[in-house]
């Protein structure tokens, strides 16, 4: 018997919902934390003491997708405060893994770029 979820997973990839028991993995190596794109923004906020907010998405992969204007690719980066979010792996338009690391200089560069845009 086929379920709607099975059909959708064939089209868009694995779907994780409240019935799935496995949690997104987190790997810390040196000063870089690697998380799965499906990790909740709330969990990222708790881990790094951040205040990322987005009413449209709940995962870090979705947040990056929006920040990168729907064009995620391996190696693309988004700066938030002193943290850099770098796409480690993606499949088509889906962010699979993200490297997160602290770079105090990144915040200054981000602020300078924003001032130049004004």
PDB file of N, CA and C in Angstrom:
ATOM      1  N   UNK A   1       0.835  -1.175   0.000  1.00  0.00           N
ATOM      2  CA  UNK A   1       0.000   0.000   0.000  1.00  0.00           C
ATOM      3  C   UNK A   1       0.893   1.256   0.000  1.00  0.00           C
ATOM      4  N   UNK A   2       0.636   2.149  -0.915  1.00  0.00           N
ATOM      5  CA  UNK A   2       1.371   3.410  -1.004  1.00  0.00           C
ATOM      6  C   UNK A   2       0.672   4.485  -0.187  1.00  0.00           C
ATOM      7  N   UNK A   3       1.478   5.272   0.506  1.00  0.00           N
ATOM      8  CA  UNK A   3       0.923   6.406   1.233  1.00  0.00           C
ATOM      9  C   UNK A   3       1.297   7.688   0.503  1.00  0.00           C
ATOM     10  N   UNK A   4       0.612   8.746   0.833  1.00  0.00           N
ATOM     11  CA  UNK A   4       0.922  10.048   0.245  1.00  0.00           C
ATOM     12  C   UNK A   4       2.357  10.446   0.578  1.00  0.00           C
ATOM     13  N   UNK A   5       2.781  10.162   1.816  1.00  0.00           N
ATOM     14  CA  UNK A   5       4.148  10.499   2.214  1.00  0.00           C
ATOM     15  C   UNK A   5       5.167   9.753   1.363  1.00  0.00           C
ATOM     16  N   UNK A   6       4.916   8.484   1.065  1.00  0.00           N
ATOM     17  CA  UNK A   6       5.840   7.697   0.247  1.00  0.00           C
ATOM     18  C   UNK A   6       5.974   8.294  -1.157  1.00  0.00           C
ATOM     19  N   UNK A   7       4.853   8.702  -1.730  1.00  0.00           N
ATOM     20  CA  UNK A   7       4.865   9.290  -3.072  1.00  0.00           C
ATOM     21  C   UNK A   7       5.620  10.619  -3.056  1.00  0.00           C
ATOM     22  N   UNK A   8       5.326  11.467  -2.073  1.00  0.00           N
ATOM     23  CA  UNK A   8       6.008  12.761  -1.966  1.00  0.00           C
ATOM     24  C   UNK A   8       7.508  12.588  -1.746  1.00  0.00           C
ATOM     25  N   UNK A   9       7.897  11.599  -0.938  1.00  0.00           N
ATOM     26  CA  UNK A   9       9.324  11.374  -0.698  1.00  0.00           C
ATOM     27  C   UNK A   9      10.046  10.944  -1.968  1.00  0.00           C
ATOM     28  N   UNK A  10       9.357  10.247  -2.848  1.00  0.00           N
ATOM     29  CA  UNK A  10       9.961   9.878  -4.129  1.00  0.00           C
ATOM     30  C   UNK A  10      10.214  11.113  -4.989  1.00  0.00           C
ATOM     31  N   UNK A  11       9.337  12.104  -4.863  1.00  0.00           N
ATOM     32  CA  UNK A  11       9.434  13.316  -5.677  1.00  0.00           C
ATOM     33  C   UNK A  11      10.425  14.316  -5.080  1.00  0.00           C
ATOM     34  N   UNK A  12      10.283  14.621  -3.789  1.00  0.00           N
ATOM     35  CA  UNK A  12      11.068  15.701  -3.182  1.00  0.00           C
ATOM     36  C   UNK A  12      12.172  15.227  -2.245  1.00  0.00           C
ATOM     37  N   UNK A  13      12.259  13.956  -1.980  1.00  0.00           N
ATOM     38  CA  UNK A  13      13.264  13.457  -1.047  1.00  0.00           C
ATOM     39  C   UNK A  13      12.655  13.162   0.306  1.00  0.00           C
ATOM     40  N   UNK A  14      13.502  12.734   1.215  1.00  0.00           N
ATOM     41  CA  UNK A  14      13.062  12.322   2.547  1.00  0.00           C
ATOM     42  C   UNK A  14      12.294  13.437   3.248  1.00  0.00           C
ATOM     43  N   UNK A  15      11.136  13.088   3.816  1.00  0.00           N
ATOM     44  CA  UNK A  15      10.320  14.030   4.573  1.00  0.00           C
ATOM     45  C   UNK A  15      10.393  13.620   6.039  1.00  0.00           C
ATOM     46  N   UNK A  16      10.757  14.558   6.889  1.00  0.00           N
ATOM     47  CA  UNK A  16      10.825  14.276   8.318  1.00  0.00           C
ATOM     48  C   UNK A  16       9.662  14.979   8.991  1.00  0.00           C
ATOM     49  N   UNK A  17       8.966  14.243   9.825  1.00  0.00           N
ATOM     50  CA  UNK A  17       7.836  14.826  10.531  1.00  0.00           C
ATOM     51  C   UNK A  17       7.900  14.434  11.998  1.00  0.00           C
ATOM     52  N   UNK A  18       6.860  14.784  12.751  1.00  0.00           N
ATOM     53  CA  UNK A  18       6.864  14.545  14.187  1.00  0.00           C
ATOM     54  C   UNK A  18       6.878  13.064  14.556  1.00  0.00           C
ATOM     55  N   UNK A  19       6.628  12.177  13.586  1.00  0.00           N
ATOM     56  CA  UNK A  19       6.624  10.746  13.862  1.00  0.00           C
ATOM     57  C   UNK A  19       7.998  10.114  13.657  1.00  0.00           C
ATOM     58  N   UNK A  20       8.904  10.823  13.036  1.00  0.00           N
ATOM     59  CA  UNK A  20      10.259  10.316  12.841  1.00  0.00           C
ATOM     60  C   UNK A  20      11.032  10.449  14.150  1.00  0.00           C
ATOM     61  N   UNK A  21      11.719   9.393  14.536  1.00  0.00           N
ATOM     62  CA  UNK A  21      12.424   9.382  15.811  1.00  0.00           C
ATOM     63  C   UNK A  21      13.853   9.896  15.717  1.00  0.00           C
ATOM     64  N   UNK A  22      14.447   9.801  14.543  1.00  0.00           N
ATOM     65  CA  UNK A  22      15.845  10.212  14.431  1.00  0.00           C
ATOM     66  C   UNK A  22      15.977  11.730  14.452  1.00  0.00           C
ATOM     67  N   UNK A  23      16.975  12.189  15.185  1.00  0.00           N
ATOM     68  CA  UNK A  23      17.242  13.612  15.301  1.00  0.00           C
ATOM     69  C   UNK A  23      18.349  13.991  14.320  1.00  0.00           C
ATOM     70  N   UNK A  24      18.343  15.232  13.846  1.00  0.00           N
ATOM     71  CA  UNK A  24      19.424  15.665  12.962  1.00  0.00           C
ATOM     72  C   UNK A  24      20.771  15.517  13.661  1.00  0.00           C
ATOM     73  N   UNK A  25      21.775  15.100  12.913  1.00  0.00           N
ATOM     74  CA  UNK A  25      23.092  14.901  13.519  1.00  0.00           C
ATOM     75  C   UNK A  25      23.861  16.213  13.607  1.00  0.00           C
ATOM     76  N   UNK A  26      24.729  16.261  14.604  1.00  0.00           N
ATOM     77  CA  UNK A  26      25.599  17.409  14.827  1.00  0.00           C
ATOM     78  C   UNK A  26      27.013  16.864  14.990  1.00  0.00           C
ATOM     79  N   UNK A  27      27.952  17.400  14.214  1.00  0.00           N
ATOM     80  CA  UNK A  27      29.350  16.985  14.306  1.00  0.00           C
ATOM     81  C   UNK A  27      30.189  18.225  14.584  1.00  0.00           C
ATOM     82  N   UNK A  28      31.007  18.145  15.626  1.00  0.00           N
ATOM     83  CA  UNK A  28      31.892  19.262  15.961  1.00  0.00           C
ATOM     84  C   UNK A  28      33.328  18.800  15.742  1.00  0.00           C
ATOM     85  N   UNK A  29      34.045  19.530  14.885  1.00  0.00           N
ATOM     86  CA  UNK A  29      35.444  19.209  14.614  1.00  0.00           C
ATOM     87  C   UNK A  29      36.210  20.522  14.573  1.00  0.00           C
ATOM     88  N   UNK A  30      37.225  20.607  15.403  1.00  0.00           N
ATOM     89  CA  UNK A  30      37.978  21.848  15.570  1.00  0.00           C
ATOM     90  C   UNK A  30      36.999  22.946  15.977  1.00  0.00           C
ATOM     91  N   UNK A  31      36.925  24.007  15.245  1.00  0.00           N
ATOM     92  CA  UNK A  31      36.027  25.119  15.580  1.00  0.00           C
ATOM     93  C   UNK A  31      34.806  25.168  14.668  1.00  0.00           C
ATOM     94  N   UNK A  32      34.556  24.085  13.930  1.00  0.00           N
ATOM     95  CA  UNK A  32      33.445  24.052  12.972  1.00  0.00           C
ATOM     96  C   UNK A  32      32.402  23.041  13.426  1.00  0.00           C
ATOM     97  N   UNK A  33      31.158  23.487  13.487  1.00  0.00           N
ATOM     98  CA  UNK A  33      30.038  22.604  13.797  1.00  0.00           C
ATOM     99  C   UNK A  33      29.299  22.333  12.501  1.00  0.00           C
ATOM    100  N   UNK A  34      29.076  21.062  12.201  1.00  0.00           N
ATOM    101  CA  UNK A  34      28.340  20.690  10.997  1.00  0.00           C
ATOM    102  C   UNK A  34      27.003  20.109  11.416  1.00  0.00           C
ATOM    103  N   UNK A  35      25.924  20.673  10.854  1.00  0.00           N
ATOM    104  CA  UNK A  35      24.570  20.219  11.170  1.00  0.00           C
ATOM    105  C   UNK A  35      23.845  19.872   9.881  1.00  0.00           C
ATOM    106  N   UNK A  36      22.785  19.107  10.021  1.00  0.00           N
ATOM    107  CA  UNK A  36      21.947  18.802   8.871  1.00  0.00           C
ATOM    108  C   UNK A  36      21.063  20.004   8.571  1.00  0.00           C
ATOM    109  N   UNK A  37      20.745  20.180   7.311  1.00  0.00           N
ATOM    110  CA  UNK A  37      19.921  21.303   6.893  1.00  0.00           C
ATOM    111  C   UNK A  37      18.533  21.291   7.501  1.00  0.00           C
ATOM    112  N   UNK A  38      18.077  20.125   7.912  1.00  0.00           N
ATOM    113  CA  UNK A  38      16.732  20.023   8.486  1.00  0.00           C
ATOM    114  C   UNK A  38      16.683  20.393   9.966  1.00  0.00           C
ATOM    115  N   UNK A  39      17.836  20.717  10.551  1.00  0.00           N
ATOM    116  CA  UNK A  39      17.856  21.093  11.966  1.00  0.00           C
ATOM    117  C   UNK A  39      17.036  22.360  12.169  1.00  0.00           C
ATOM    118  N   UNK A  40      16.269  22.387  13.243  1.00  0.00           N
ATOM    119  CA  UNK A  40      15.395  23.524  13.523  1.00  0.00           C
ATOM    120  C   UNK A  40      16.197  24.772  13.889  1.00  0.00           C
ATOM    121  N   UNK A  41      15.706  25.910  13.428  1.00  0.00           N
ATOM    122  CA  UNK A  41      16.326  27.194  13.762  1.00  0.00           C
ATOM    123  C   UNK A  41      16.363  27.376  15.275  1.00  0.00           C
ATOM    124  N   UNK A  42      15.310  26.964  15.971  1.00  0.00           N
ATOM    125  CA  UNK A  42      15.278  27.085  17.432  1.00  0.00           C
ATOM    126  C   UNK A  42      16.441  26.331  18.073  1.00  0.00           C
ATOM    127  N   UNK A  43      16.770  25.152  17.538  1.00  0.00           N
ATOM    128  CA  UNK A  43      17.890  24.376  18.075  1.00  0.00           C
ATOM    129  C   UNK A  43      19.224  25.067  17.794  1.00  0.00           C
ATOM    130  N   UNK A  44      19.351  25.658  16.603  1.00  0.00           N
ATOM    131  CA  UNK A  44      20.563  26.419  16.265  1.00  0.00           C
ATOM    132  C   UNK A  44      20.694  27.610  17.212  1.00  0.00           C
ATOM    133  N   UNK A  45      19.583  28.309  17.439  1.00  0.00           N
ATOM    134  CA  UNK A  45      19.597  29.447  18.361  1.00  0.00           C
ATOM    135  C   UNK A  45      20.058  29.021  19.752  1.00  0.00           C
ATOM    136  N   UNK A  46      19.565  27.877  20.228  1.00  0.00           N
ATOM    137  CA  UNK A  46      19.956  27.379  21.546  1.00  0.00           C
ATOM    138  C   UNK A  46      21.436  26.999  21.581  1.00  0.00           C
ATOM    139  N   UNK A  47      21.917  26.333  20.542  1.00  0.00           N
ATOM    140  CA  UNK A  47      23.309  25.877  20.500  1.00  0.00           C
ATOM    141  C   UNK A  47      24.303  27.033  20.495  1.00  0.00           C
ATOM    142  N   UNK A  48      23.977  28.088  19.742  1.00  0.00           N
ATOM    143  CA  UNK A  48      24.932  29.178  19.530  1.00  0.00           C
ATOM    144  C   UNK A  48      24.526  30.487  20.210  1.00  0.00           C
ATOM    145  N   UNK A  49      23.447  30.448  20.976  1.00  0.00           N
ATOM    146  CA  UNK A  49      22.924  31.645  21.656  1.00  0.00           C
ATOM    147  C   UNK A  49      22.658  32.769  20.656  1.00  0.00           C
ATOM    148  N   UNK A  50      21.943  32.416  19.596  1.00  0.00           N
ATOM    149  CA  UNK A  50      21.573  33.376  18.558  1.00  0.00           C
ATOM    150  C   UNK A  50      20.092  33.695  18.662  1.00  0.00           C
ATOM    151  N   UNK A  51      19.640  34.607  17.830  1.00  0.00           N
ATOM    152  CA  UNK A  51      18.216  34.951  17.802  1.00  0.00           C
ATOM    153  C   UNK A  51      17.702  35.018  16.367  1.00  0.00           C
ATOM    154  N   UNK A  52      18.059  34.006  15.583  1.00  0.00           N
ATOM    155  CA  UNK A  52      17.565  33.936  14.204  1.00  0.00           C
ATOM    156  C   UNK A  52      16.056  33.742  14.264  1.00  0.00           C
ATOM    157  N   UNK A  53      15.344  34.560  13.514  1.00  0.00           N
ATOM    158  CA  UNK A  53      13.888  34.440  13.460  1.00  0.00           C
ATOM    159  C   UNK A  53      13.444  34.461  12.010  1.00  0.00           C
ATOM    160  N   UNK A  54      12.490  33.609  11.691  1.00  0.00           N
ATOM    161  CA  UNK A  54      11.904  33.604  10.355  1.00  0.00           C
ATOM    162  C   UNK A  54      10.547  32.934  10.440  1.00  0.00           C
ATOM    163  N   UNK A  55       9.514  33.663  10.104  1.00  0.00           N
ATOM    164  CA  UNK A  55       8.158  33.121  10.183  1.00  0.00           C
ATOM    165  C   UNK A  55       7.841  32.168   9.038  1.00  0.00           C
ATOM    166  N   UNK A  56       8.633  32.213   7.963  1.00  0.00           N
ATOM    167  CA  UNK A  56       8.329  31.412   6.783  1.00  0.00           C
ATOM    168  C   UNK A  56       8.930  30.014   6.818  1.00  0.00           C
ATOM    169  N   UNK A  57      10.013  29.819   7.552  1.00  0.00           N
ATOM    170  CA  UNK A  57      10.683  28.513   7.590  1.00  0.00           C
ATOM    171  C   UNK A  57      11.055  28.171   9.026  1.00  0.00           C
ATOM    172  N   UNK A  58      11.267  26.877   9.284  1.00  0.00           N
ATOM    173  CA  UNK A  58      11.667  26.478  10.630  1.00  0.00           C
ATOM    174  C   UNK A  58      13.010  25.755  10.672  1.00  0.00           C
ATOM    175  N   UNK A  59      13.592  25.453   9.513  1.00  0.00           N
ATOM    176  CA  UNK A  59      14.879  24.745   9.491  1.00  0.00           C
ATOM    177  C   UNK A  59      15.999  25.692   9.062  1.00  0.00           C
ATOM    178  N   UNK A  60      17.221  25.332   9.450  1.00  0.00           N
ATOM    179  CA  UNK A  60      18.369  26.160   9.071  1.00  0.00           C
ATOM    180  C   UNK A  60      18.587  26.105   7.558  1.00  0.00           C
ATOM    181  N   UNK A  61      18.297  24.963   6.945  1.00  0.00           N
ATOM    182  CA  UNK A  61      18.417  24.850   5.491  1.00  0.00           C
ATOM    183  C   UNK A  61      17.438  25.764   4.772  1.00  0.00           C
ATOM    184  N   UNK A  62      16.209  25.823   5.271  1.00  0.00           N
ATOM    185  CA  UNK A  62      15.208  26.717   4.691  1.00  0.00           C
ATOM    186  C   UNK A  62      15.583  28.175   4.859  1.00  0.00           C
ATOM    187  N   UNK A  63      16.125  28.498   6.022  1.00  0.00           N
ATOM    188  CA  UNK A  63      16.558  29.871   6.286  1.00  0.00           C
ATOM    189  C   UNK A  63      17.665  30.277   5.317  1.00  0.00           C
ATOM    190  N   UNK A  64      18.643  29.375   5.114  1.00  0.00           N
ATOM    191  CA  UNK A  64      19.727  29.668   4.171  1.00  0.00           C
ATOM    192  C   UNK A  64      19.196  29.790   2.745  1.00  0.00           C
ATOM    193  N   UNK A  65      18.264  28.926   2.382  1.00  0.00           N
ATOM    194  CA  UNK A  65      17.655  28.968   1.052  1.00  0.00           C
ATOM    195  C   UNK A  65      17.068  30.358   0.786  1.00  0.00           C
ATOM    196  N   UNK A  66      16.349  30.885   1.764  1.00  0.00           N
ATOM    197  CA  UNK A  66      15.733  32.210   1.614  1.00  0.00           C
ATOM    198  C   UNK A  66      16.806  33.302   1.577  1.00  0.00           C
ATOM    199  N   UNK A  67      17.786  33.226   2.478  1.00  0.00           N
ATOM    200  CA  UNK A  67      18.842  34.245   2.521  1.00  0.00           C
ATOM    201  C   UNK A  67      19.668  34.264   1.236  1.00  0.00           C
ATOM    202  N   UNK A  68      19.775  33.098   0.586  1.00  0.00           N
ATOM    203  CA  UNK A  68      20.532  33.006  -0.669  1.00  0.00           C
ATOM    204  C   UNK A  68      19.618  33.151  -1.886  1.00  0.00           C
ATOM    205  N   UNK A  69      18.425  33.681  -1.651  1.00  0.00           N
ATOM    206  CA  UNK A  69      17.453  33.985  -2.703  1.00  0.00           C
ATOM    207  C   UNK A  69      17.162  32.785  -3.596  1.00  0.00           C
ATOM    208  N   UNK A  70      16.995  31.615  -2.961  1.00  0.00           N
ATOM    209  CA  UNK A  70      16.610  30.412  -3.701  1.00  0.00           C
ATOM    210  C   UNK A  70      17.708  29.815  -4.550  1.00  0.00           C
ATOM    211  N   UNK A  71      18.954  30.178  -4.270  1.00  0.00           N
ATOM    212  CA  UNK A  71      20.073  29.689  -5.074  1.00  0.00           C
ATOM    213  C   UNK A  71      21.194  29.129  -4.187  1.00  0.00           C
ATOM    214  N   UNK A  72      20.895  28.062  -3.414  1.00  0.00           N
ATOM    215  CA  UNK A  72      21.947  27.499  -2.563  1.00  0.00           C
ATOM    216  C   UNK A  72      22.928  26.673  -3.381  1.00  0.00           C
ATOM    217  N   UNK A  73      24.175  26.689  -2.977  1.00  0.00           N
ATOM    218  CA  UNK A  73      25.207  25.875  -3.626  1.00  0.00           C
ATOM    219  C   UNK A  73      26.316  25.625  -2.612  1.00  0.00           C
ATOM    220  N   UNK A  74      27.009  24.525  -2.785  1.00  0.00           N
ATOM    221  CA  UNK A  74      28.113  24.188  -1.884  1.00  0.00           C
ATOM    222  C   UNK A  74      29.116  25.349  -1.852  1.00  0.00           C
ATOM    223  N   UNK A  75      29.490  25.732  -0.634  1.00  0.00           N
ATOM    224  CA  UNK A  75      30.472  26.797  -0.458  1.00  0.00           C
ATOM    225  C   UNK A  75      29.880  28.181  -0.273  1.00  0.00           C
ATOM    226  N   UNK A  76      28.599  28.373  -0.601  1.00  0.00           N
ATOM    227  CA  UNK A  76      27.986  29.691  -0.394  1.00  0.00           C
ATOM    228  C   UNK A  76      27.836  29.946   1.098  1.00  0.00           C
ATOM    229  N   UNK A  77      27.999  31.223   1.474  1.00  0.00           N
ATOM    230  CA  UNK A  77      28.020  31.587   2.889  1.00  0.00           C
ATOM    231  C   UNK A  77      27.015  32.684   3.199  1.00  0.00           C
ATOM    232  N   UNK A  78      26.503  32.625   4.422  1.00  0.00           N
ATOM    233  CA  UNK A  78      25.655  33.674   4.966  1.00  0.00           C
ATOM    234  C   UNK A  78      26.249  34.046   6.318  1.00  0.00           C
ATOM    235  N   UNK A  79      26.425  35.335   6.549  1.00  0.00           N
ATOM    236  CA  UNK A  79      26.962  35.811   7.823  1.00  0.00           C
ATOM    237  C   UNK A  79      25.804  36.288   8.679  1.00  0.00           C
ATOM    238  N   UNK A  80      25.803  35.842   9.931  1.00  0.00           N
ATOM    239  CA  UNK A  80      24.808  36.293  10.900  1.00  0.00           C
ATOM    240  C   UNK A  80      25.556  36.600  12.192  1.00  0.00           C
ATOM    241  N   UNK A  81      25.672  37.873  12.513  1.00  0.00           N
ATOM    242  CA  UNK A  81      26.458  38.252  13.681  1.00  0.00           C
ATOM    243  C   UNK A  81      27.902  37.849  13.465  1.00  0.00           C
ATOM    244  N   UNK A  82      28.462  37.160  14.451  1.00  0.00           N
ATOM    245  CA  UNK A  82      29.847  36.694  14.352  1.00  0.00           C
ATOM    246  C   UNK A  82      29.940  35.296  13.753  1.00  0.00           C
ATOM    247  N   UNK A  83      28.837  34.761  13.270  1.00  0.00           N
ATOM    248  CA  UNK A  83      28.830  33.391  12.763  1.00  0.00           C
ATOM    249  C   UNK A  83      28.697  33.346  11.247  1.00  0.00           C
ATOM    250  N   UNK A  84      29.379  32.383  10.672  1.00  0.00           N
ATOM    251  CA  UNK A  84      29.302  32.125   9.238  1.00  0.00           C
ATOM    252  C   UNK A  84      28.594  30.790   9.059  1.00  0.00           C
ATOM    253  N   UNK A  85      27.587  30.776   8.205  1.00  0.00           N
ATOM    254  CA  UNK A  85      26.855  29.566   7.848  1.00  0.00           C
ATOM    255  C   UNK A  85      27.241  29.241   6.410  1.00  0.00           C
ATOM    256  N   UNK A  86      27.958  28.151   6.241  1.00  0.00           N
ATOM    257  CA  UNK A  86      28.455  27.764   4.922  1.00  0.00           C
ATOM    258  C   UNK A  86      27.808  26.452   4.493  1.00  0.00           C
ATOM    259  N   UNK A  87      27.262  26.436   3.288  1.00  0.00           N
ATOM    260  CA  UNK A  87      26.628  25.215   2.795  1.00  0.00           C
ATOM    261  C   UNK A  87      27.712  24.186   2.505  1.00  0.00           C
ATOM    262  N   UNK A  88      27.632  23.069   3.215  1.00  0.00           N
ATOM    263  CA  UNK A  88      28.614  21.994   3.056  1.00  0.00           C
ATOM    264  C   UNK A  88      28.177  21.006   1.989  1.00  0.00           C
ATOM    265  N   UNK A  89      26.868  20.831   1.850  1.00  0.00           N
ATOM    266  CA  UNK A  89      26.348  19.876   0.874  1.00  0.00           C
ATOM    267  C   UNK A  89      24.913  20.253   0.544  1.00  0.00           C
ATOM    268  N   UNK A  90      24.575  20.162  -0.722  1.00  0.00           N
ATOM    269  CA  UNK A  90      23.193  20.396  -1.130  1.00  0.00           C
ATOM    270  C   UNK A  90      22.873  19.490  -2.310  1.00  0.00           C
ATOM    271  N   UNK A  91      21.596  19.258  -2.486  1.00  0.00           N
ATOM    272  CA  UNK A  91      21.117  18.429  -3.587  1.00  0.00           C
ATOM    273  C   UNK A  91      20.011  19.216  -4.268  1.00  0.00           C
ATOM    274  N   UNK A  92      20.260  19.562  -5.506  1.00  0.00           N
ATOM    275  CA  UNK A  92      19.369  20.469  -6.236  1.00  0.00           C
ATOM    276  C   UNK A  92      19.224  21.745  -5.432  1.00  0.00           C
ATOM    277  N   UNK A  93      18.031  22.065  -4.973  1.00  0.00           N
ATOM    278  CA  UNK A  93      17.815  23.293  -4.209  1.00  0.00           C
ATOM    279  C   UNK A  93      17.708  23.036  -2.712  1.00  0.00           C
ATOM    280  N   UNK A  94      17.997  21.826  -2.292  1.00  0.00           N
ATOM    281  CA  UNK A  94      17.835  21.442  -0.892  1.00  0.00           C
ATOM    282  C   UNK A  94      19.185  21.465  -0.168  1.00  0.00           C
ATOM    283  N   UNK A  95      19.235  22.202   0.928  1.00  0.00           N
ATOM    284  CA  UNK A  95      20.446  22.275   1.746  1.00  0.00           C
ATOM    285  C   UNK A  95      20.484  21.037   2.638  1.00  0.00           C
ATOM    286  N   UNK A  96      21.513  20.207   2.473  1.00  0.00           N
ATOM    287  CA  UNK A  96      21.617  18.964   3.237  1.00  0.00           C
ATOM    288  C   UNK A  96      22.466  19.118   4.501  1.00  0.00           C
ATOM    289  N   UNK A  97      23.610  19.800   4.397  1.00  0.00           N
ATOM    290  CA  UNK A  97      24.495  19.983   5.550  1.00  0.00           C
ATOM    291  C   UNK A  97      25.063  21.398   5.548  1.00  0.00           C
ATOM    292  N   UNK A  98      25.288  21.899   6.753  1.00  0.00           N
ATOM    293  CA  UNK A  98      25.764  23.269   6.923  1.00  0.00           C
ATOM    294  C   UNK A  98      26.929  23.285   7.911  1.00  0.00           C
ATOM    295  N   UNK A  99      28.018  23.963   7.537  1.00  0.00           N
ATOM    296  CA  UNK A  99      29.119  24.228   8.468  1.00  0.00           C
ATOM    297  C   UNK A  99      28.815  25.561   9.148  1.00  0.00           C
ATOM    298  N   UNK A 100      28.978  25.595  10.467  1.00  0.00           N
ATOM    299  CA  UNK A 100      28.765  26.828  11.225  1.00  0.00           C
ATOM    300  C   UNK A 100      30.029  27.089  12.031  1.00  0.00           C
ATOM    301  N   UNK A 101      30.560  28.301  11.891  1.00  0.00           N
ATOM    302  CA  UNK A 101      31.746  28.642  12.666  1.00  0.00           C
ATOM    303  C   UNK A 101      31.737  30.128  12.989  1.00  0.00           C
ATOM    304  N   UNK A 102      32.437  30.445  14.067  1.00  0.00           N
ATOM    305  CA  UNK A 102      32.498  31.819  14.547  1.00  0.00           C
ATOM    306  C   UNK A 102      33.659  32.533  13.870  1.00  0.00           C
ATOM    307  N   UNK A 103      33.391  33.740  13.403  1.00  0.00           N
ATOM    308  CA  UNK A 103      34.419  34.574  12.786  1.00  0.00           C
ATOM    309  C   UNK A 103      34.115  36.026  13.143  1.00  0.00           C
ATOM    310  N   UNK A 104      34.739  36.547  14.213  1.00  0.00           N
ATOM    311  CA  UNK A 104      34.456  37.922  14.637  1.00  0.00           C
ATOM    312  C   UNK A 104      34.630  38.950  13.520  1.00  0.00           C
ATOM    313  N   UNK A 105      35.538  38.710  12.588  1.00  0.00           N
ATOM    314  CA  UNK A 105      35.746  39.645  11.480  1.00  0.00           C
ATOM    315  C   UNK A 105      34.567  39.637  10.515  1.00  0.00           C
ATOM    316  N   UNK A 106      33.822  38.553  10.475  1.00  0.00           N
ATOM    317  CA  UNK A 106      32.703  38.435   9.537  1.00  0.00           C
ATOM    318  C   UNK A 106      31.623  39.468   9.825  1.00  0.00           C
ATOM    319  N   UNK A 107      31.356  39.729  11.102  1.00  0.00           N
ATOM    320  CA  UNK A 107      30.326  40.702  11.455  1.00  0.00           C
ATOM    321  C   UNK A 107      30.707  42.094  10.959  1.00  0.00           C
ATOM    322  N   UNK A 108      31.953  42.469  11.118  1.00  0.00           N
ATOM    323  CA  UNK A 108      32.413  43.781  10.650  1.00  0.00           C
ATOM    324  C   UNK A 108      32.302  43.878   9.135  1.00  0.00           C
ATOM    325  N   UNK A 109      32.679  42.822   8.433  1.00  0.00           N
ATOM    326  CA  UNK A 109      32.570  42.822   6.968  1.00  0.00           C
ATOM    327  C   UNK A 109      31.116  42.928   6.536  1.00  0.00           C
ATOM    328  N   UNK A 110      30.243  42.208   7.238  1.00  0.00           N
ATOM    329  CA  UNK A 110      28.820  42.237   6.917  1.00  0.00           C
ATOM    330  C   UNK A 110      28.243  43.631   7.138  1.00  0.00           C
ATOM    331  N   UNK A 111      28.611  44.266   8.249  1.00  0.00           N
ATOM    332  CA  UNK A 111      28.123  45.614   8.542  1.00  0.00           C
ATOM    333  C   UNK A 111      28.620  46.617   7.508  1.00  0.00           C
ATOM    334  N   UNK A 112      29.880  46.502   7.087  1.00  0.00           N
ATOM    335  CA  UNK A 112      30.425  47.406   6.070  1.00  0.00           C
ATOM    336  C   UNK A 112      29.697  47.238   4.743  1.00  0.00           C
ATOM    337  N   UNK A 113      29.375  46.008   4.378  1.00  0.00           N
ATOM    338  CA  UNK A 113      28.655  45.748   3.131  1.00  0.00           C
ATOM    339  C   UNK A 113      27.256  46.338   3.190  1.00  0.00           C
ATOM    340  N   UNK A 114      26.595  46.217   4.361  1.00  0.00           N
ATOM    341  CA  UNK A 114      25.256  46.781   4.510  1.00  0.00           C
ATOM    342  C   UNK A 114      25.296  48.303   4.421  1.00  0.00           C
ATOM    343  N   UNK A 115      26.314  48.940   5.010  1.00  0.00           N
ATOM    344  CA  UNK A 115      26.428  50.392   4.950  1.00  0.00           C
ATOM    345  C   UNK A 115      26.703  50.854   3.524  1.00  0.00           C
ATOM    346  N   UNK A 116      27.457  50.090   2.773  1.00  0.00           N
ATOM    347  CA  UNK A 116      27.757  50.442   1.382  1.00  0.00           C
ATOM    348  C   UNK A 116      26.508  50.347   0.518  1.00  0.00           C
ATOM    349  N   UNK A 117      25.599  49.420   0.867  1.00  0.00           N
ATOM    350  CA  UNK A 117      24.355  49.258   0.115  1.00  0.00           C
ATOM    351  C   UNK A 117      23.373  50.384   0.401  1.00  0.00           C
ATOM    352  N   UNK A 118      23.527  51.082   1.536  1.00  0.00           N
ATOM    353  CA  UNK A 118      22.579  52.133   1.932  1.00  0.00           C
ATOM    354  C   UNK A 118      22.756  53.387   1.123  1.00  0.00           C
TER     355      UNK A 118
END
